[in-house]
Amino acid sequence: MITITAVIRAKSGHEVTMRDALAAVAGHVAANEPQTIGFFISQSEEDPCLFTTYERFADKAAMDRHNGSAAVATFFGIAKPLLDGAVTLVTSNEVSATQR
C-alpha cells in the first residue's frame, strides 16, 4: 500500500474554504477512485488553519491517477492562494494498519 500524508496550512480566515475544497476531493475519491483505498482529512483542534490528509492507494498507478485527476487540479487551483506556506507531502510504503 502506498500512502501520502499531506500537511496543509491555510491563511487565517480561509479555514472553511480550505476544508470545503478538501471535502470536494474526498467526494470525488469516493465516487470515482476505487483504487484509492482511503482518503482521510483532519483539521487541528488547536489550530484550525492546519489540515492533514492521509491517503491510501492500492498501487503507484492509483496514486498517479489520483494526483493527475481534475479534482486534485481543481483543489490546488482553489487552495494555492489560500496557502500559508508550502504543502508538505510525504509519500511512503505503509508498514502497518489497524482498523476496527
N, C-alpha and C. Protein backbone atom coordinates (compact mmCIF):
# COMPACT_ATOMS: atom_id res chain seq x y z
N MET A 1 0.86 -1.17 0.00
CA MET A 1 0.00 0.00 0.00
C MET A 1 0.90 1.23 0.00
N ILE A 2 0.61 2.14 -0.89
CA ILE A 2 1.33 3.42 -0.96
C ILE A 2 0.47 4.47 -0.28
N THR A 3 1.11 5.33 0.50
CA THR A 3 0.37 6.38 1.20
C THR A 3 1.00 7.74 0.93
N ILE A 4 0.16 8.74 1.08
CA ILE A 4 0.63 10.13 1.07
C ILE A 4 0.05 10.79 2.32
N THR A 5 0.92 11.44 3.06
CA THR A 5 0.48 12.32 4.14
C THR A 5 0.77 13.74 3.68
N ALA A 6 -0.23 14.59 3.75
CA ALA A 6 -0.06 15.99 3.36
C ALA A 6 -0.37 16.87 4.56
N VAL A 7 0.49 17.84 4.79
CA VAL A 7 0.27 18.84 5.83
C VAL A 7 0.04 20.16 5.13
N ILE A 8 -1.12 20.75 5.37
CA ILE A 8 -1.57 21.93 4.65
C ILE A 8 -1.95 23.00 5.66
N ARG A 9 -1.41 24.19 5.49
CA ARG A 9 -1.77 25.31 6.37
C ARG A 9 -2.46 26.39 5.53
N ALA A 10 -3.67 26.73 5.95
CA ALA A 10 -4.44 27.79 5.29
C ALA A 10 -4.14 29.12 5.99
N LYS A 11 -4.22 30.18 5.23
CA LYS A 11 -4.14 31.51 5.83
C LYS A 11 -5.34 31.71 6.75
N SER A 12 -5.11 32.44 7.82
CA SER A 12 -6.18 32.72 8.77
C SER A 12 -7.38 33.35 8.06
N GLY A 13 -8.55 32.86 8.39
CA GLY A 13 -9.77 33.36 7.77
C GLY A 13 -10.23 32.54 6.58
N HIS A 14 -9.40 31.59 6.14
CA HIS A 14 -9.73 30.77 4.96
C HIS A 14 -9.91 29.30 5.30
N GLU A 15 -10.10 29.01 6.58
CA GLU A 15 -10.21 27.62 7.02
C GLU A 15 -11.41 26.89 6.42
N VAL A 16 -12.54 27.56 6.35
CA VAL A 16 -13.75 26.91 5.83
C VAL A 16 -13.61 26.61 4.35
N THR A 17 -13.06 27.55 3.61
CA THR A 17 -12.86 27.33 2.17
C THR A 17 -11.90 26.17 1.94
N MET A 18 -10.81 26.10 2.72
CA MET A 18 -9.85 25.00 2.57
C MET A 18 -10.51 23.67 2.94
N ARG A 19 -11.25 23.65 4.03
CA ARG A 19 -11.93 22.41 4.44
C ARG A 19 -12.91 21.97 3.36
N ASP A 20 -13.67 22.90 2.79
CA ASP A 20 -14.63 22.56 1.74
C ASP A 20 -13.93 22.05 0.48
N ALA A 21 -12.80 22.65 0.13
CA ALA A 21 -12.05 22.19 -1.05
C ALA A 21 -11.51 20.79 -0.84
N LEU A 22 -11.02 20.50 0.35
CA LEU A 22 -10.54 19.14 0.65
C LEU A 22 -11.70 18.15 0.65
N ALA A 23 -12.84 18.55 1.19
CA ALA A 23 -14.01 17.67 1.21
C ALA A 23 -14.49 17.36 -0.21
N ALA A 24 -14.35 18.31 -1.13
CA ALA A 24 -14.72 18.07 -2.52
C ALA A 24 -13.83 16.99 -3.15
N VAL A 25 -12.54 17.02 -2.81
CA VAL A 25 -11.64 15.96 -3.29
C VAL A 25 -12.08 14.62 -2.72
N ALA A 26 -12.39 14.59 -1.43
CA ALA A 26 -12.84 13.34 -0.80
C ALA A 26 -14.09 12.80 -1.48
N GLY A 27 -15.02 13.69 -1.82
CA GLY A 27 -16.23 13.26 -2.53
C GLY A 27 -15.92 12.67 -3.89
N HIS A 28 -14.99 13.29 -4.60
CA HIS A 28 -14.57 12.77 -5.90
C HIS A 28 -13.94 11.39 -5.73
N VAL A 29 -13.08 11.25 -4.73
CA VAL A 29 -12.42 9.97 -4.49
C VAL A 29 -13.46 8.89 -4.23
N ALA A 30 -14.41 9.17 -3.36
CA ALA A 30 -15.43 8.18 -3.02
C ALA A 30 -16.25 7.74 -4.23
N ALA A 31 -16.52 8.66 -5.13
CA ALA A 31 -17.36 8.36 -6.29
C ALA A 31 -16.61 7.79 -7.48
N ASN A 32 -15.29 8.07 -7.58
CA ASN A 32 -14.60 7.78 -8.83
C ASN A 32 -13.28 7.03 -8.73
N GLU A 33 -12.78 6.79 -7.54
CA GLU A 33 -11.45 6.20 -7.41
C GLU A 33 -11.47 4.95 -6.53
N PRO A 34 -11.91 3.82 -7.09
CA PRO A 34 -11.97 2.61 -6.27
C PRO A 34 -10.59 2.11 -5.80
N GLN A 35 -9.54 2.48 -6.49
CA GLN A 35 -8.20 2.05 -6.10
C GLN A 35 -7.56 3.00 -5.08
N THR A 36 -8.26 4.09 -4.75
CA THR A 36 -7.85 4.91 -3.62
C THR A 36 -8.58 4.32 -2.42
N ILE A 37 -7.84 3.61 -1.58
CA ILE A 37 -8.41 2.80 -0.51
C ILE A 37 -8.94 3.66 0.64
N GLY A 38 -8.34 4.80 0.85
CA GLY A 38 -8.80 5.69 1.91
C GLY A 38 -8.33 7.11 1.65
N PHE A 39 -9.15 8.07 2.02
CA PHE A 39 -8.79 9.48 1.90
C PHE A 39 -9.33 10.16 3.14
N PHE A 40 -8.46 10.46 4.07
CA PHE A 40 -8.83 10.98 5.38
C PHE A 40 -8.38 12.42 5.51
N ILE A 41 -9.23 13.26 6.06
CA ILE A 41 -8.93 14.68 6.25
C ILE A 41 -9.07 14.97 7.74
N SER A 42 -8.07 15.65 8.30
CA SER A 42 -8.14 16.09 9.69
C SER A 42 -7.88 17.58 9.75
N GLN A 43 -8.53 18.24 10.73
CA GLN A 43 -8.31 19.65 11.00
C GLN A 43 -7.92 19.76 12.47
N SER A 44 -6.83 20.44 12.74
CA SER A 44 -6.31 20.55 14.10
C SER A 44 -7.33 21.22 15.03
N GLU A 45 -7.47 20.66 16.22
CA GLU A 45 -8.33 21.28 17.23
C GLU A 45 -7.69 22.56 17.77
N GLU A 46 -6.37 22.56 17.88
CA GLU A 46 -5.66 23.70 18.45
C GLU A 46 -5.42 24.82 17.45
N ASP A 47 -5.29 24.46 16.18
CA ASP A 47 -5.00 25.44 15.13
C ASP A 47 -5.88 25.12 13.92
N PRO A 48 -7.05 25.74 13.81
CA PRO A 48 -7.98 25.38 12.74
C PRO A 48 -7.47 25.68 11.33
N CYS A 49 -6.34 26.37 11.22
CA CYS A 49 -5.74 26.62 9.91
C CYS A 49 -4.92 25.42 9.42
N LEU A 50 -4.68 24.45 10.30
CA LEU A 50 -3.80 23.32 9.99
C LEU A 50 -4.61 22.07 9.65
N PHE A 51 -4.39 21.56 8.45
CA PHE A 51 -5.07 20.36 7.96
C PHE A 51 -4.04 19.28 7.66
N THR A 52 -4.46 18.04 7.81
CA THR A 52 -3.65 16.90 7.43
C THR A 52 -4.52 15.94 6.63
N THR A 53 -3.97 15.41 5.55
CA THR A 53 -4.66 14.33 4.84
C THR A 53 -3.80 13.09 4.92
N TYR A 54 -4.47 11.95 4.92
CA TYR A 54 -3.79 10.66 4.84
C TYR A 54 -4.50 9.90 3.74
N GLU A 55 -3.75 9.55 2.71
CA GLU A 55 -4.31 8.95 1.52
C GLU A 55 -3.68 7.59 1.29
N ARG A 56 -4.50 6.58 1.04
CA ARG A 56 -4.02 5.20 0.86
C ARG A 56 -4.40 4.73 -0.55
N PHE A 57 -3.41 4.20 -1.26
CA PHE A 57 -3.60 3.77 -2.65
C PHE A 57 -3.21 2.31 -2.82
N ALA A 58 -3.96 1.61 -3.67
CA ALA A 58 -3.67 0.20 -3.93
C ALA A 58 -2.29 0.01 -4.54
N ASP A 59 -1.87 0.96 -5.37
CA ASP A 59 -0.57 0.86 -6.03
C ASP A 59 -0.17 2.23 -6.57
N LYS A 60 1.01 2.30 -7.17
CA LYS A 60 1.52 3.58 -7.68
C LYS A 60 0.63 4.12 -8.79
N ALA A 61 0.11 3.24 -9.63
CA ALA A 61 -0.77 3.70 -10.71
C ALA A 61 -2.01 4.41 -10.15
N ALA A 62 -2.58 3.88 -9.08
CA ALA A 62 -3.74 4.52 -8.45
C ALA A 62 -3.36 5.87 -7.89
N MET A 63 -2.19 5.96 -7.26
CA MET A 63 -1.72 7.24 -6.73
C MET A 63 -1.53 8.25 -7.86
N ASP A 64 -0.92 7.80 -8.95
CA ASP A 64 -0.69 8.69 -10.08
C ASP A 64 -2.02 9.17 -10.71
N ARG A 65 -3.01 8.26 -10.82
CA ARG A 65 -4.32 8.66 -11.34
C ARG A 65 -4.96 9.71 -10.43
N HIS A 66 -4.87 9.48 -9.14
CA HIS A 66 -5.43 10.45 -8.19
C HIS A 66 -4.73 11.79 -8.32
N ASN A 67 -3.42 11.78 -8.27
CA ASN A 67 -2.66 13.04 -8.32
C ASN A 67 -2.85 13.78 -9.64
N GLY A 68 -3.15 13.06 -10.70
CA GLY A 68 -3.37 13.67 -12.00
C GLY A 68 -4.82 13.99 -12.31
N SER A 69 -5.70 13.77 -11.34
CA SER A 69 -7.13 13.96 -11.58
C SER A 69 -7.52 15.43 -11.64
N ALA A 70 -8.63 15.67 -12.31
CA ALA A 70 -9.17 17.03 -12.38
C ALA A 70 -9.54 17.53 -10.99
N ALA A 71 -9.98 16.63 -10.11
CA ALA A 71 -10.37 17.04 -8.75
C ALA A 71 -9.18 17.59 -7.97
N VAL A 72 -8.03 16.96 -8.11
CA VAL A 72 -6.83 17.44 -7.43
C VAL A 72 -6.38 18.77 -8.04
N ALA A 73 -6.44 18.88 -9.37
CA ALA A 73 -6.09 20.14 -10.03
C ALA A 73 -7.01 21.27 -9.57
N THR A 74 -8.31 20.98 -9.47
CA THR A 74 -9.26 21.98 -9.00
C THR A 74 -8.95 22.38 -7.57
N PHE A 75 -8.64 21.38 -6.73
CA PHE A 75 -8.29 21.69 -5.34
C PHE A 75 -7.12 22.66 -5.29
N PHE A 76 -6.04 22.36 -6.00
CA PHE A 76 -4.87 23.24 -5.93
C PHE A 76 -5.16 24.61 -6.54
N GLY A 77 -6.05 24.68 -7.52
CA GLY A 77 -6.44 25.98 -8.05
C GLY A 77 -7.13 26.84 -6.99
N ILE A 78 -7.95 26.20 -6.16
CA ILE A 78 -8.63 26.91 -5.07
C ILE A 78 -7.65 27.18 -3.93
N ALA A 79 -6.87 26.17 -3.57
CA ALA A 79 -6.04 26.22 -2.37
C ALA A 79 -4.81 27.11 -2.51
N LYS A 80 -4.23 27.16 -3.69
CA LYS A 80 -2.94 27.86 -3.84
C LYS A 80 -2.93 29.27 -3.26
N PRO A 81 -3.92 30.12 -3.57
CA PRO A 81 -3.87 31.47 -2.98
C PRO A 81 -4.21 31.50 -1.49
N LEU A 82 -4.72 30.39 -0.95
CA LEU A 82 -5.11 30.33 0.46
C LEU A 82 -4.02 29.73 1.35
N LEU A 83 -2.96 29.21 0.72
CA LEU A 83 -1.92 28.52 1.49
C LEU A 83 -1.06 29.50 2.27
N ASP A 84 -0.74 29.10 3.48
CA ASP A 84 0.21 29.83 4.33
C ASP A 84 1.47 28.98 4.39
N GLY A 85 2.28 29.04 3.33
CA GLY A 85 3.48 28.21 3.23
C GLY A 85 3.27 27.04 2.29
N ALA A 86 4.32 26.30 2.11
CA ALA A 86 4.29 25.15 1.19
C ALA A 86 3.55 23.97 1.81
N VAL A 87 2.93 23.17 0.96
CA VAL A 87 2.31 21.92 1.38
C VAL A 87 3.44 20.91 1.59
N THR A 88 3.43 20.23 2.72
CA THR A 88 4.41 19.18 2.98
C THR A 88 3.78 17.85 2.58
N LEU A 89 4.44 17.13 1.67
CA LEU A 89 3.97 15.82 1.22
C LEU A 89 4.98 14.75 1.59
N VAL A 90 4.49 13.67 2.17
CA VAL A 90 5.35 12.53 2.49
C VAL A 90 4.72 11.31 1.84
N THR A 91 5.41 10.74 0.86
CA THR A 91 4.96 9.53 0.19
C THR A 91 5.69 8.35 0.82
N SER A 92 4.94 7.32 1.19
CA SER A 92 5.51 6.19 1.95
C SER A 92 4.91 4.87 1.51
N ASN A 93 5.57 3.80 1.92
CA ASN A 93 5.00 2.46 1.84
C ASN A 93 4.45 2.13 3.21
N GLU A 94 3.16 1.81 3.27
CA GLU A 94 2.53 1.53 4.55
C GLU A 94 3.12 0.26 5.16
N VAL A 95 3.49 0.34 6.41
CA VAL A 95 4.10 -0.77 7.11
C VAL A 95 3.06 -1.55 7.90
N SER A 96 2.10 -0.83 8.48
CA SER A 96 1.10 -1.48 9.31
C SER A 96 -0.16 -0.63 9.31
N ALA A 97 -1.31 -1.30 9.41
CA ALA A 97 -2.59 -0.60 9.51
C ALA A 97 -3.52 -1.42 10.38
N THR A 98 -4.18 -0.77 11.30
CA THR A 98 -5.16 -1.42 12.15
C THR A 98 -6.48 -0.71 11.97
N GLN A 99 -7.52 -1.47 11.70
CA GLN A 99 -8.86 -0.90 11.56
C GLN A 99 -9.80 -1.65 12.46
N ARG A 100 -10.77 -0.95 13.01
CA ARG A 100 -11.76 -1.58 13.89
C ARG A 100 -13.13 -1.31 13.38
